[in-house]
Amino acid sequence: MNLANKLTVMRVVLVPFFVAFMMIDEIPLNYLWALVVFGIASITDLFDGKIARKYNMITDFGKFLDPLADKILVAAALVCMTELKWTYAWVTIIILTREFVVSGVRLVAAGSEKKVVIAAGWLGKVKTAVTMVAIAVILAMHILVQLSWLPEAFPVQCISDVLMIVSSLLTLWSGVQYLYDYRQFIDPKK
């Protein structure tokens, strides 16, 4: 396994630690630790692709696992945030539905006669980056609340809602674009 793929696998391995920090209040500064783990996992997303391209380490395994690792990390964060009432269930449903649909199209493409492996497109990467930044900002605000460094009147929930709505809209746009680009794999006549 090359270095790029090891970084991608590391992102998946970090997810249970992130979830534990998010959900176990008994851990001192649990949200801070969750943000650190989320940040490390998100940074591996930047580096694995750059390393793979620069050193010609692009593999079908990496094309498959990289977007899946992103989905796992984001899904874990969204489910935790929904449980903590930091975001609405409909936001999580929109984002996760898009991820399931995209994964389904990828499976159909990989199982087709041509055995097509679909790498993440630019809009999907932008959507992932925006969502990851939104999650990090929301986490950072809750850390500041946890440390009592924000005034009570600070609009944490309002800012969180705006960030997640923007992420949801971008998710819808990228999902529609993805379905349009790969419509040949979901043609009901085939």
N, C-alpha and C. Protein backbone atom coordinates (compact mmCIF):
# COMPACT_ATOMS: atom_id res chain seq x y z
N MET A 1 0.86 -1.17 0.00
CA MET A 1 0.00 0.00 0.00
C MET A 1 0.91 1.24 0.00
N ASN A 2 0.62 2.16 -0.91
CA ASN A 2 1.46 3.36 -1.01
C ASN A 2 1.06 4.39 0.06
N LEU A 3 1.89 5.45 0.18
CA LEU A 3 1.69 6.46 1.21
C LEU A 3 0.34 7.16 1.09
N ALA A 4 -0.06 7.50 -0.13
CA ALA A 4 -1.33 8.19 -0.33
C ALA A 4 -2.49 7.34 0.21
N ASN A 5 -2.48 6.06 -0.11
CA ASN A 5 -3.54 5.17 0.35
C ASN A 5 -3.49 4.97 1.86
N LYS A 6 -2.28 4.97 2.44
CA LYS A 6 -2.17 4.84 3.90
C LYS A 6 -2.81 6.05 4.60
N LEU A 7 -2.61 7.24 4.03
CA LEU A 7 -3.24 8.44 4.60
C LEU A 7 -4.76 8.34 4.53
N THR A 8 -5.27 7.80 3.43
CA THR A 8 -6.71 7.64 3.27
C THR A 8 -7.25 6.65 4.30
N VAL A 9 -6.55 5.54 4.48
CA VAL A 9 -6.96 4.54 5.47
C VAL A 9 -6.92 5.15 6.87
N MET A 10 -5.89 5.98 7.13
CA MET A 10 -5.79 6.63 8.45
C MET A 10 -7.01 7.49 8.73
N ARG A 11 -7.54 8.15 7.68
CA ARG A 11 -8.73 8.99 7.85
C ARG A 11 -9.90 8.14 8.36
N VAL A 12 -10.05 6.95 7.83
CA VAL A 12 -11.14 6.06 8.26
C VAL A 12 -10.90 5.59 9.69
N VAL A 13 -9.65 5.26 10.01
CA VAL A 13 -9.32 4.77 11.35
C VAL A 13 -9.57 5.84 12.42
N LEU A 14 -9.43 7.11 12.06
CA LEU A 14 -9.63 8.20 13.02
C LEU A 14 -11.10 8.44 13.37
N VAL A 15 -12.01 7.96 12.54
CA VAL A 15 -13.43 8.25 12.75
C VAL A 15 -13.95 7.78 14.11
N PRO A 16 -13.68 6.56 14.57
CA PRO A 16 -14.20 6.17 15.89
C PRO A 16 -13.68 7.05 17.03
N PHE A 17 -12.44 7.52 16.91
CA PHE A 17 -11.89 8.42 17.93
C PHE A 17 -12.63 9.75 17.92
N PHE A 18 -12.90 10.25 16.72
CA PHE A 18 -13.67 11.49 16.59
C PHE A 18 -15.04 11.34 17.24
N VAL A 19 -15.73 10.25 16.94
CA VAL A 19 -17.07 10.02 17.49
C VAL A 19 -17.01 9.92 19.02
N ALA A 20 -16.02 9.21 19.53
CA ALA A 20 -15.89 9.09 20.99
C ALA A 20 -15.72 10.46 21.64
N PHE A 21 -14.86 11.28 21.07
CA PHE A 21 -14.66 12.62 21.63
C PHE A 21 -15.92 13.48 21.52
N MET A 22 -16.64 13.35 20.43
CA MET A 22 -17.86 14.13 20.26
C MET A 22 -18.93 13.75 21.28
N MET A 23 -19.04 12.48 21.58
CA MET A 23 -20.20 12.00 22.31
C MET A 23 -19.96 11.71 23.79
N ILE A 24 -18.71 11.67 24.21
CA ILE A 24 -18.43 11.35 25.62
C ILE A 24 -18.06 12.62 26.37
N ASP A 25 -19.04 13.18 27.03
CA ASP A 25 -18.84 14.45 27.75
C ASP A 25 -17.87 14.33 28.93
N GLU A 26 -17.68 13.12 29.42
CA GLU A 26 -16.80 12.92 30.57
C GLU A 26 -15.33 13.13 30.21
N ILE A 27 -15.01 13.14 28.93
CA ILE A 27 -13.63 13.39 28.50
C ILE A 27 -13.40 14.91 28.60
N PRO A 28 -12.41 15.33 29.36
CA PRO A 28 -12.15 16.78 29.47
C PRO A 28 -11.87 17.39 28.09
N LEU A 29 -12.49 18.52 27.83
CA LEU A 29 -12.33 19.23 26.55
C LEU A 29 -12.60 18.32 25.35
N ASN A 30 -13.66 17.52 25.48
CA ASN A 30 -13.96 16.53 24.44
C ASN A 30 -14.14 17.14 23.06
N TYR A 31 -14.76 18.32 22.97
CA TYR A 31 -14.96 18.93 21.65
C TYR A 31 -13.64 19.41 21.06
N LEU A 32 -12.74 19.86 21.90
CA LEU A 32 -11.42 20.26 21.41
C LEU A 32 -10.69 19.05 20.82
N TRP A 33 -10.74 17.93 21.52
CA TRP A 33 -10.09 16.71 21.01
C TRP A 33 -10.78 16.23 19.73
N ALA A 34 -12.09 16.37 19.69
CA ALA A 34 -12.82 15.99 18.47
C ALA A 34 -12.37 16.85 17.30
N LEU A 35 -12.20 18.14 17.54
CA LEU A 35 -11.75 19.04 16.47
C LEU A 35 -10.33 18.70 16.03
N VAL A 36 -9.46 18.37 16.97
CA VAL A 36 -8.09 17.98 16.62
C VAL A 36 -8.11 16.75 15.72
N VAL A 37 -8.87 15.74 16.11
CA VAL A 37 -8.96 14.52 15.31
C VAL A 37 -9.59 14.81 13.96
N PHE A 38 -10.66 15.60 13.95
CA PHE A 38 -11.32 15.96 12.70
C PHE A 38 -10.36 16.73 11.80
N GLY A 39 -9.59 17.64 12.39
CA GLY A 39 -8.62 18.42 11.62
C GLY A 39 -7.55 17.53 11.00
N ILE A 40 -7.01 16.60 11.77
CA ILE A 40 -6.00 15.68 11.25
C ILE A 40 -6.58 14.85 10.11
N ALA A 41 -7.79 14.34 10.32
CA ALA A 41 -8.44 13.53 9.28
C ALA A 41 -8.68 14.37 8.02
N SER A 42 -9.12 15.60 8.20
CA SER A 42 -9.39 16.47 7.05
C SER A 42 -8.10 16.81 6.30
N ILE A 43 -7.02 17.01 7.03
CA ILE A 43 -5.74 17.33 6.39
C ILE A 43 -5.24 16.14 5.57
N THR A 44 -5.48 14.93 6.05
CA THR A 44 -5.06 13.77 5.25
C THR A 44 -5.78 13.77 3.90
N ASP A 45 -6.99 14.33 3.87
CA ASP A 45 -7.74 14.41 2.62
C ASP A 45 -7.03 15.33 1.63
N LEU A 46 -6.40 16.39 2.12
CA LEU A 46 -5.65 17.29 1.25
C LEU A 46 -4.39 16.62 0.72
N PHE A 47 -3.69 15.95 1.62
CA PHE A 47 -2.38 15.42 1.25
C PHE A 47 -2.43 14.13 0.45
N ASP A 48 -3.40 13.25 0.71
CA ASP A 48 -3.37 11.97 0.00
C ASP A 48 -3.49 12.17 -1.51
N GLY A 49 -4.37 13.06 -1.92
CA GLY A 49 -4.53 13.32 -3.36
C GLY A 49 -3.32 14.00 -3.98
N LYS A 50 -2.76 14.98 -3.28
CA LYS A 50 -1.58 15.68 -3.79
C LYS A 50 -0.41 14.72 -3.93
N ILE A 51 -0.20 13.90 -2.92
CA ILE A 51 0.90 12.93 -2.96
C ILE A 51 0.67 11.93 -4.08
N ALA A 52 -0.56 11.45 -4.20
CA ALA A 52 -0.86 10.47 -5.26
C ALA A 52 -0.58 11.04 -6.64
N ARG A 53 -0.98 12.29 -6.86
CA ARG A 53 -0.76 12.89 -8.18
C ARG A 53 0.72 13.21 -8.42
N LYS A 54 1.37 13.78 -7.42
CA LYS A 54 2.76 14.21 -7.58
C LYS A 54 3.71 13.03 -7.81
N TYR A 55 3.48 11.94 -7.08
CA TYR A 55 4.39 10.80 -7.15
C TYR A 55 3.81 9.63 -7.93
N ASN A 56 2.81 9.92 -8.75
CA ASN A 56 2.20 8.91 -9.61
C ASN A 56 1.77 7.66 -8.81
N MET A 57 1.06 7.90 -7.71
CA MET A 57 0.57 6.83 -6.85
C MET A 57 -0.93 6.63 -6.98
N ILE A 58 -1.51 7.13 -8.06
CA ILE A 58 -2.96 7.01 -8.23
C ILE A 58 -3.31 5.55 -8.50
N THR A 59 -4.22 5.03 -7.69
CA THR A 59 -4.66 3.64 -7.84
C THR A 59 -6.18 3.60 -7.84
N ASP A 60 -6.74 2.51 -8.36
CA ASP A 60 -8.19 2.33 -8.30
C ASP A 60 -8.64 2.25 -6.84
N PHE A 61 -7.82 1.62 -5.99
CA PHE A 61 -8.13 1.55 -4.57
C PHE A 61 -8.26 2.95 -3.98
N GLY A 62 -7.34 3.83 -4.31
CA GLY A 62 -7.38 5.20 -3.82
C GLY A 62 -8.57 5.97 -4.37
N LYS A 63 -8.87 5.78 -5.66
CA LYS A 63 -10.02 6.45 -6.26
C LYS A 63 -11.32 6.01 -5.59
N PHE A 64 -11.35 4.76 -5.16
CA PHE A 64 -12.53 4.23 -4.49
C PHE A 64 -12.59 4.68 -3.03
N LEU A 65 -11.46 4.50 -2.31
CA LEU A 65 -11.48 4.72 -0.87
C LEU A 65 -11.47 6.19 -0.47
N ASP A 66 -10.81 7.06 -1.25
CA ASP A 66 -10.71 8.47 -0.87
C ASP A 66 -12.08 9.11 -0.70
N PRO A 67 -12.95 9.05 -1.71
CA PRO A 67 -14.27 9.66 -1.49
C PRO A 67 -15.09 8.93 -0.42
N LEU A 68 -14.89 7.62 -0.28
CA LEU A 68 -15.61 6.85 0.74
C LEU A 68 -15.15 7.28 2.14
N ALA A 69 -13.85 7.50 2.30
CA ALA A 69 -13.33 7.95 3.59
C ALA A 69 -13.91 9.31 3.96
N ASP A 70 -14.02 10.20 2.95
CA ASP A 70 -14.64 11.51 3.19
C ASP A 70 -16.08 11.33 3.67
N LYS A 71 -16.80 10.46 3.00
CA LYS A 71 -18.21 10.22 3.33
C LYS A 71 -18.35 9.69 4.76
N ILE A 72 -17.49 8.77 5.13
CA ILE A 72 -17.54 8.19 6.47
C ILE A 72 -17.28 9.25 7.53
N LEU A 73 -16.26 10.08 7.30
CA LEU A 73 -15.93 11.14 8.26
C LEU A 73 -17.06 12.15 8.38
N VAL A 74 -17.55 12.62 7.25
CA VAL A 74 -18.62 13.62 7.26
C VAL A 74 -19.91 13.03 7.84
N ALA A 75 -20.22 11.79 7.47
CA ALA A 75 -21.44 11.15 8.00
C ALA A 75 -21.36 11.02 9.52
N ALA A 76 -20.20 10.62 10.02
CA ALA A 76 -20.03 10.49 11.47
C ALA A 76 -20.23 11.84 12.15
N ALA A 77 -19.64 12.88 11.57
CA ALA A 77 -19.79 14.22 12.15
C ALA A 77 -21.24 14.67 12.13
N LEU A 78 -21.92 14.47 11.02
CA LEU A 78 -23.31 14.91 10.91
C LEU A 78 -24.23 14.16 11.86
N VAL A 79 -24.02 12.87 12.00
CA VAL A 79 -24.86 12.09 12.91
C VAL A 79 -24.62 12.57 14.36
N CYS A 80 -23.36 12.80 14.72
CA CYS A 80 -23.07 13.32 16.06
C CYS A 80 -23.70 14.69 16.26
N MET A 81 -23.56 15.55 15.26
CA MET A 81 -24.11 16.91 15.37
C MET A 81 -25.64 16.88 15.45
N THR A 82 -26.26 15.95 14.76
CA THR A 82 -27.72 15.82 14.84
C THR A 82 -28.12 15.34 16.23
N GLU A 83 -27.41 14.36 16.74
CA GLU A 83 -27.68 13.85 18.08
C GLU A 83 -27.53 14.94 19.14
N LEU A 84 -26.53 15.79 18.95
CA LEU A 84 -26.29 16.88 19.90
C LEU A 84 -27.19 18.10 19.65
N LYS A 85 -28.04 18.01 18.62
CA LYS A 85 -28.96 19.07 18.23
C LYS A 85 -28.22 20.34 17.76
N TRP A 86 -27.07 20.13 17.13
CA TRP A 86 -26.30 21.23 16.56
C TRP A 86 -26.73 21.50 15.12
N THR A 87 -27.39 20.53 14.51
CA THR A 87 -27.91 20.70 13.16
C THR A 87 -29.22 19.95 13.06
N TYR A 88 -29.94 20.22 12.00
CA TYR A 88 -31.25 19.60 11.80
C TYR A 88 -31.10 18.24 11.11
N ALA A 89 -32.03 17.35 11.42
CA ALA A 89 -32.01 16.03 10.80
C ALA A 89 -32.14 16.13 9.28
N TRP A 90 -32.93 17.10 8.79
CA TRP A 90 -33.11 17.20 7.33
C TRP A 90 -31.81 17.55 6.63
N VAL A 91 -30.93 18.31 7.29
CA VAL A 91 -29.62 18.62 6.71
C VAL A 91 -28.81 17.33 6.57
N THR A 92 -28.79 16.56 7.63
CA THR A 92 -28.06 15.29 7.62
C THR A 92 -28.64 14.35 6.56
N ILE A 93 -29.96 14.30 6.46
CA ILE A 93 -30.61 13.42 5.47
C ILE A 93 -30.24 13.84 4.05
N ILE A 94 -30.26 15.13 3.76
CA ILE A 94 -29.90 15.60 2.41
C ILE A 94 -28.47 15.21 2.07
N ILE A 95 -27.56 15.48 2.99
CA ILE A 95 -26.15 15.21 2.72
C ILE A 95 -25.89 13.71 2.62
N LEU A 96 -26.45 12.92 3.52
CA LEU A 96 -26.23 11.48 3.47
C LEU A 96 -26.91 10.83 2.27
N THR A 97 -28.08 11.33 1.89
CA THR A 97 -28.76 10.78 0.71
C THR A 97 -27.91 10.99 -0.53
N ARG A 98 -27.35 12.18 -0.68
CA ARG A 98 -26.47 12.44 -1.83
C ARG A 98 -25.30 11.46 -1.82
N GLU A 99 -24.73 11.22 -0.64
CA GLU A 99 -23.58 10.32 -0.56
C GLU A 99 -23.95 8.89 -0.93
N PHE A 100 -25.12 8.43 -0.49
CA PHE A 100 -25.56 7.08 -0.86
C PHE A 100 -25.83 6.98 -2.36
N VAL A 101 -26.45 7.99 -2.92
CA VAL A 101 -26.74 7.98 -4.36
C VAL A 101 -25.44 7.94 -5.16
N VAL A 102 -24.50 8.80 -4.80
CA VAL A 102 -23.22 8.83 -5.51
C VAL A 102 -22.49 7.49 -5.37
N SER A 103 -22.50 6.93 -4.17
CA SER A 103 -21.86 5.63 -3.97
C SER A 103 -22.54 4.54 -4.80
N GLY A 104 -23.86 4.62 -4.89
CA GLY A 104 -24.59 3.65 -5.72
C GLY A 104 -24.22 3.75 -7.19
N VAL A 105 -24.12 4.96 -7.69
CA VAL A 105 -23.73 5.15 -9.09
C VAL A 105 -22.31 4.64 -9.31
N ARG A 106 -21.43 4.90 -8.34
CA ARG A 106 -20.05 4.40 -8.45
C ARG A 106 -20.03 2.87 -8.51
N LEU A 107 -20.85 2.23 -7.70
CA LEU A 107 -20.91 0.76 -7.71
C LEU A 107 -21.42 0.23 -9.05
N VAL A 108 -22.45 0.88 -9.57
CA VAL A 108 -22.99 0.46 -10.87
C VAL A 108 -21.93 0.65 -11.96
N ALA A 109 -21.23 1.77 -11.93
CA ALA A 109 -20.19 2.04 -12.93
C ALA A 109 -19.06 1.02 -12.83
N ALA A 110 -18.66 0.69 -11.61
CA ALA A 110 -17.58 -0.28 -11.42
C ALA A 110 -18.01 -1.68 -11.85
N GLY A 111 -19.30 -1.97 -11.72
CA GLY A 111 -19.81 -3.28 -12.11
C GLY A 111 -20.23 -3.35 -13.57
N SER A 112 -20.13 -2.26 -14.29
CA SER A 112 -20.54 -2.23 -15.70
C SER A 112 -19.53 -2.98 -16.56
N GLU A 113 -19.89 -3.19 -17.81
CA GLU A 113 -19.00 -3.89 -18.74
C GLU A 113 -17.65 -3.19 -18.85
N LYS A 114 -17.67 -1.87 -18.77
CA LYS A 114 -16.43 -1.08 -18.90
C LYS A 114 -15.62 -1.02 -17.61
N LYS A 115 -16.20 -1.47 -16.49
CA LYS A 115 -15.53 -1.44 -15.17
C LYS A 115 -14.98 -0.04 -14.86
N VAL A 116 -15.83 0.96 -14.96
CA VAL A 116 -15.43 2.34 -14.77
C VAL A 116 -15.29 2.66 -13.28
N VAL A 117 -14.13 3.22 -12.92
CA VAL A 117 -13.92 3.72 -11.56
C VAL A 117 -14.03 5.23 -11.64
N ILE A 118 -15.04 5.78 -10.97
CA ILE A 118 -15.30 7.21 -11.04
C ILE A 118 -14.60 7.91 -9.88
N ALA A 119 -13.66 8.76 -10.21
CA ALA A 119 -12.98 9.55 -9.18
C ALA A 119 -13.87 10.73 -8.79
N ALA A 120 -13.57 11.32 -7.66
CA ALA A 120 -14.33 12.49 -7.21
C ALA A 120 -14.11 13.65 -8.18
N GLY A 121 -15.18 14.35 -8.52
CA GLY A 121 -15.09 15.50 -9.40
C GLY A 121 -14.82 16.77 -8.61
N TRP A 122 -14.55 17.86 -9.32
CA TRP A 122 -14.19 19.13 -8.66
C TRP A 122 -15.32 19.66 -7.79
N LEU A 123 -16.57 19.54 -8.26
CA LEU A 123 -17.69 20.07 -7.47
C LEU A 123 -17.89 19.24 -6.20
N GLY A 124 -17.71 17.94 -6.32
CA GLY A 124 -17.79 17.08 -5.14
C GLY A 124 -16.69 17.40 -4.13
N LYS A 125 -15.50 17.73 -4.65
CA LYS A 125 -14.40 18.10 -3.75
C LYS A 125 -14.68 19.43 -3.05
N VAL A 126 -15.24 20.37 -3.80
CA VAL A 126 -15.61 21.66 -3.20
C VAL A 126 -16.68 21.45 -2.13
N LYS A 127 -17.68 20.64 -2.46
CA LYS A 127 -18.75 20.34 -1.51
C LYS A 127 -18.18 19.72 -0.24
N THR A 128 -17.26 18.78 -0.39
CA THR A 128 -16.65 18.13 0.76
C THR A 128 -15.85 19.14 1.59
N ALA A 129 -15.07 19.98 0.91
CA ALA A 129 -14.26 20.97 1.62
C ALA A 129 -15.14 21.95 2.39
N VAL A 130 -16.20 22.44 1.75
CA VAL A 130 -17.11 23.39 2.41
C VAL A 130 -17.77 22.73 3.62
N THR A 131 -18.20 21.49 3.46
CA THR A 131 -18.85 20.78 4.56
C THR A 131 -17.87 20.56 5.71
N MET A 132 -16.64 20.17 5.38
CA MET A 132 -15.64 19.94 6.43
C MET A 132 -15.30 21.25 7.16
N VAL A 133 -15.18 22.34 6.43
CA VAL A 133 -14.91 23.63 7.06
C VAL A 133 -16.09 24.03 7.95
N ALA A 134 -17.31 23.84 7.46
CA ALA A 134 -18.50 24.16 8.26
C ALA A 134 -18.51 23.36 9.56
N ILE A 135 -18.23 22.08 9.46
CA ILE A 135 -18.20 21.23 10.66
C ILE A 135 -17.12 21.73 11.62
N ALA A 136 -15.94 22.06 11.10
CA ALA A 136 -14.85 22.54 11.95
C ALA A 136 -15.21 23.86 12.64
N VAL A 137 -15.84 24.77 11.90
CA VAL A 137 -16.24 26.06 12.48
C VAL A 137 -17.28 25.85 13.58
N ILE A 138 -18.25 24.99 13.31
CA ILE A 138 -19.29 24.71 14.31
C ILE A 138 -18.67 24.09 15.56
N LEU A 139 -17.76 23.15 15.35
CA LEU A 139 -17.06 22.55 16.48
C LEU A 139 -16.28 23.60 17.27
N ALA A 140 -15.58 24.48 16.54
CA ALA A 140 -14.80 25.53 17.20
C ALA A 140 -15.69 26.43 18.05
N MET A 141 -16.86 26.78 17.52
CA MET A 141 -17.77 27.62 18.31
C MET A 141 -18.20 26.89 19.58
N HIS A 142 -18.47 25.60 19.49
CA HIS A 142 -18.90 24.85 20.67
C HIS A 142 -17.76 24.67 21.67
N ILE A 143 -16.53 24.64 21.18
CA ILE A 143 -15.37 24.63 22.09
C ILE A 143 -15.34 25.94 22.88
N LEU A 144 -15.53 27.04 22.18
CA LEU A 144 -15.53 28.35 22.85
C LEU A 144 -16.67 28.46 23.85
N VAL A 145 -17.82 27.86 23.52
CA VAL A 145 -18.94 27.82 24.48
C VAL A 145 -18.55 26.97 25.68
N GLN A 146 -17.95 25.80 25.39
CA GLN A 146 -17.54 24.88 26.45
C GLN A 146 -16.55 25.56 27.41
N LEU A 147 -15.70 26.42 26.87
CA LEU A 147 -14.70 27.12 27.68
C LEU A 147 -15.24 28.44 28.26
N SER A 148 -16.50 28.75 27.97
CA SER A 148 -17.14 30.00 28.39
C SER A 148 -16.40 31.22 27.84
N TRP A 149 -15.90 31.12 26.63
CA TRP A 149 -15.18 32.22 26.00
C TRP A 149 -16.06 33.00 25.03
N LEU A 150 -17.29 32.57 24.86
CA LEU A 150 -18.25 33.29 24.02
C LEU A 150 -19.36 33.83 24.91
N PRO A 151 -19.83 35.05 24.62
CA PRO A 151 -20.96 35.57 25.40
C PRO A 151 -22.21 34.73 25.13
N GLU A 152 -23.08 34.66 26.09
CA GLU A 152 -24.30 33.87 25.96
C GLU A 152 -25.14 34.28 24.76
N ALA A 153 -25.07 35.56 24.41
CA ALA A 153 -25.88 36.08 23.30
C ALA A 153 -25.27 35.76 21.93
N PHE A 154 -24.10 35.15 21.89
CA PHE A 154 -23.46 34.85 20.60
C PHE A 154 -24.33 33.86 19.83
N PRO A 155 -24.61 34.13 18.57
CA PRO A 155 -25.57 33.32 17.79
C PRO A 155 -24.97 32.02 17.23
N VAL A 156 -24.51 31.15 18.10
CA VAL A 156 -23.88 29.89 17.66
C VAL A 156 -24.83 29.09 16.78
N GLN A 157 -26.07 28.92 17.23
CA GLN A 157 -27.01 28.09 16.46
C GLN A 157 -27.34 28.73 15.12
N CYS A 158 -27.51 30.03 15.09
CA CYS A 158 -27.82 30.73 13.85
C CYS A 158 -26.68 30.57 12.83
N ILE A 159 -25.45 30.77 13.28
CA ILE A 159 -24.29 30.61 12.40
C ILE A 159 -24.20 29.16 11.93
N SER A 160 -24.41 28.23 12.85
CA SER A 160 -24.38 26.80 12.49
C SER A 160 -25.42 26.49 11.43
N ASP A 161 -26.63 27.02 11.62
CA ASP A 161 -27.70 26.78 10.65
C ASP A 161 -27.34 27.30 9.26
N VAL A 162 -26.80 28.51 9.20
CA VAL A 162 -26.42 29.09 7.91
C VAL A 162 -25.34 28.23 7.24
N LEU A 163 -24.32 27.85 8.00
CA LEU A 163 -23.25 27.02 7.44
C LEU A 163 -23.78 25.70 6.88
N MET A 164 -24.67 25.07 7.63
CA MET A 164 -25.17 23.77 7.19
C MET A 164 -26.17 23.90 6.04
N ILE A 165 -26.90 24.99 5.98
CA ILE A 165 -27.80 25.21 4.84
C ILE A 165 -26.98 25.43 3.57
N VAL A 166 -25.91 26.23 3.68
CA VAL A 166 -25.03 26.43 2.52
C VAL A 166 -24.44 25.08 2.08
N SER A 167 -24.00 24.30 3.03
CA SER A 167 -23.45 22.98 2.72
C SER A 167 -24.50 22.09 2.07
N SER A 168 -25.74 22.14 2.56
CA SER A 168 -26.82 21.34 1.99
C SER A 168 -27.12 21.75 0.55
N LEU A 169 -27.15 23.06 0.29
CA LEU A 169 -27.42 23.54 -1.07
C LEU A 169 -26.31 23.12 -2.03
N LEU A 170 -25.07 23.23 -1.59
CA LEU A 170 -23.94 22.80 -2.40
C LEU A 170 -23.99 21.29 -2.64
N THR A 171 -24.41 20.56 -1.62
CA THR A 171 -24.56 19.11 -1.73
C THR A 171 -25.62 18.75 -2.78
N LEU A 172 -26.76 19.44 -2.74
CA LEU A 172 -27.81 19.20 -3.74
C LEU A 172 -27.30 19.50 -5.14
N TRP A 173 -26.64 20.62 -5.30
CA TRP A 173 -26.11 21.01 -6.61
C TRP A 173 -25.12 19.97 -7.12
N SER A 174 -24.18 19.56 -6.28
CA SER A 174 -23.18 18.59 -6.73
C SER A 174 -23.82 17.23 -7.01
N GLY A 175 -24.86 16.87 -6.26
CA GLY A 175 -25.55 15.61 -6.50
C GLY A 175 -26.28 15.60 -7.83
N VAL A 176 -26.97 16.68 -8.13
CA VAL A 176 -27.67 16.78 -9.43
C VAL A 176 -26.66 16.76 -10.56
N GLN A 177 -25.55 17.50 -10.41
CA GLN A 177 -24.51 17.52 -11.45
C GLN A 177 -23.92 16.13 -11.65
N TYR A 178 -23.68 15.42 -10.56
CA TYR A 178 -23.12 14.08 -10.62
C TYR A 178 -24.07 13.13 -11.36
N LEU A 179 -25.34 13.18 -11.01
CA LEU A 179 -26.32 12.32 -11.69
C LEU A 179 -26.40 12.65 -13.18
N TYR A 180 -26.32 13.92 -13.51
CA TYR A 180 -26.35 14.31 -14.91
C TYR A 180 -25.10 13.79 -15.65
N ASP A 181 -23.94 13.97 -15.04
CA ASP A 181 -22.69 13.56 -15.68
C ASP A 181 -22.61 12.06 -15.90
N TYR A 182 -23.19 11.28 -15.01
CA TYR A 182 -23.09 9.81 -15.09
C TYR A 182 -24.44 9.15 -15.32
N ARG A 183 -25.33 9.86 -16.01
CA ARG A 183 -26.68 9.36 -16.25
C ARG A 183 -26.70 8.06 -17.05
N GLN A 184 -25.66 7.79 -17.84
CA GLN A 184 -25.64 6.55 -18.63
C GLN A 184 -25.62 5.31 -17.73
N PHE A 185 -25.16 5.46 -16.48
CA PHE A 185 -25.10 4.32 -15.57
C PHE A 185 -26.41 4.10 -14.83
N ILE A 186 -27.33 5.05 -14.92
CA ILE A 186 -28.62 4.90 -14.22
C ILE A 186 -29.79 4.97 -15.19
N ASP A 187 -29.50 4.74 -16.44
CA ASP A 187 -30.55 4.75 -17.47
C ASP A 187 -31.45 3.53 -17.24
N PRO A 188 -32.73 3.74 -16.96
CA PRO A 188 -33.63 2.60 -16.68
C PRO A 188 -33.85 1.69 -17.89
N LYS A 189 -33.48 2.15 -19.07
CA LYS A 189 -33.65 1.34 -20.28
C LYS A 189 -32.53 0.33 -20.45
N LYS A 190 -31.49 0.48 -19.66
CA LYS A 190 -30.33 -0.44 -19.79
C LYS A 190 -30.39 -1.53 -18.76
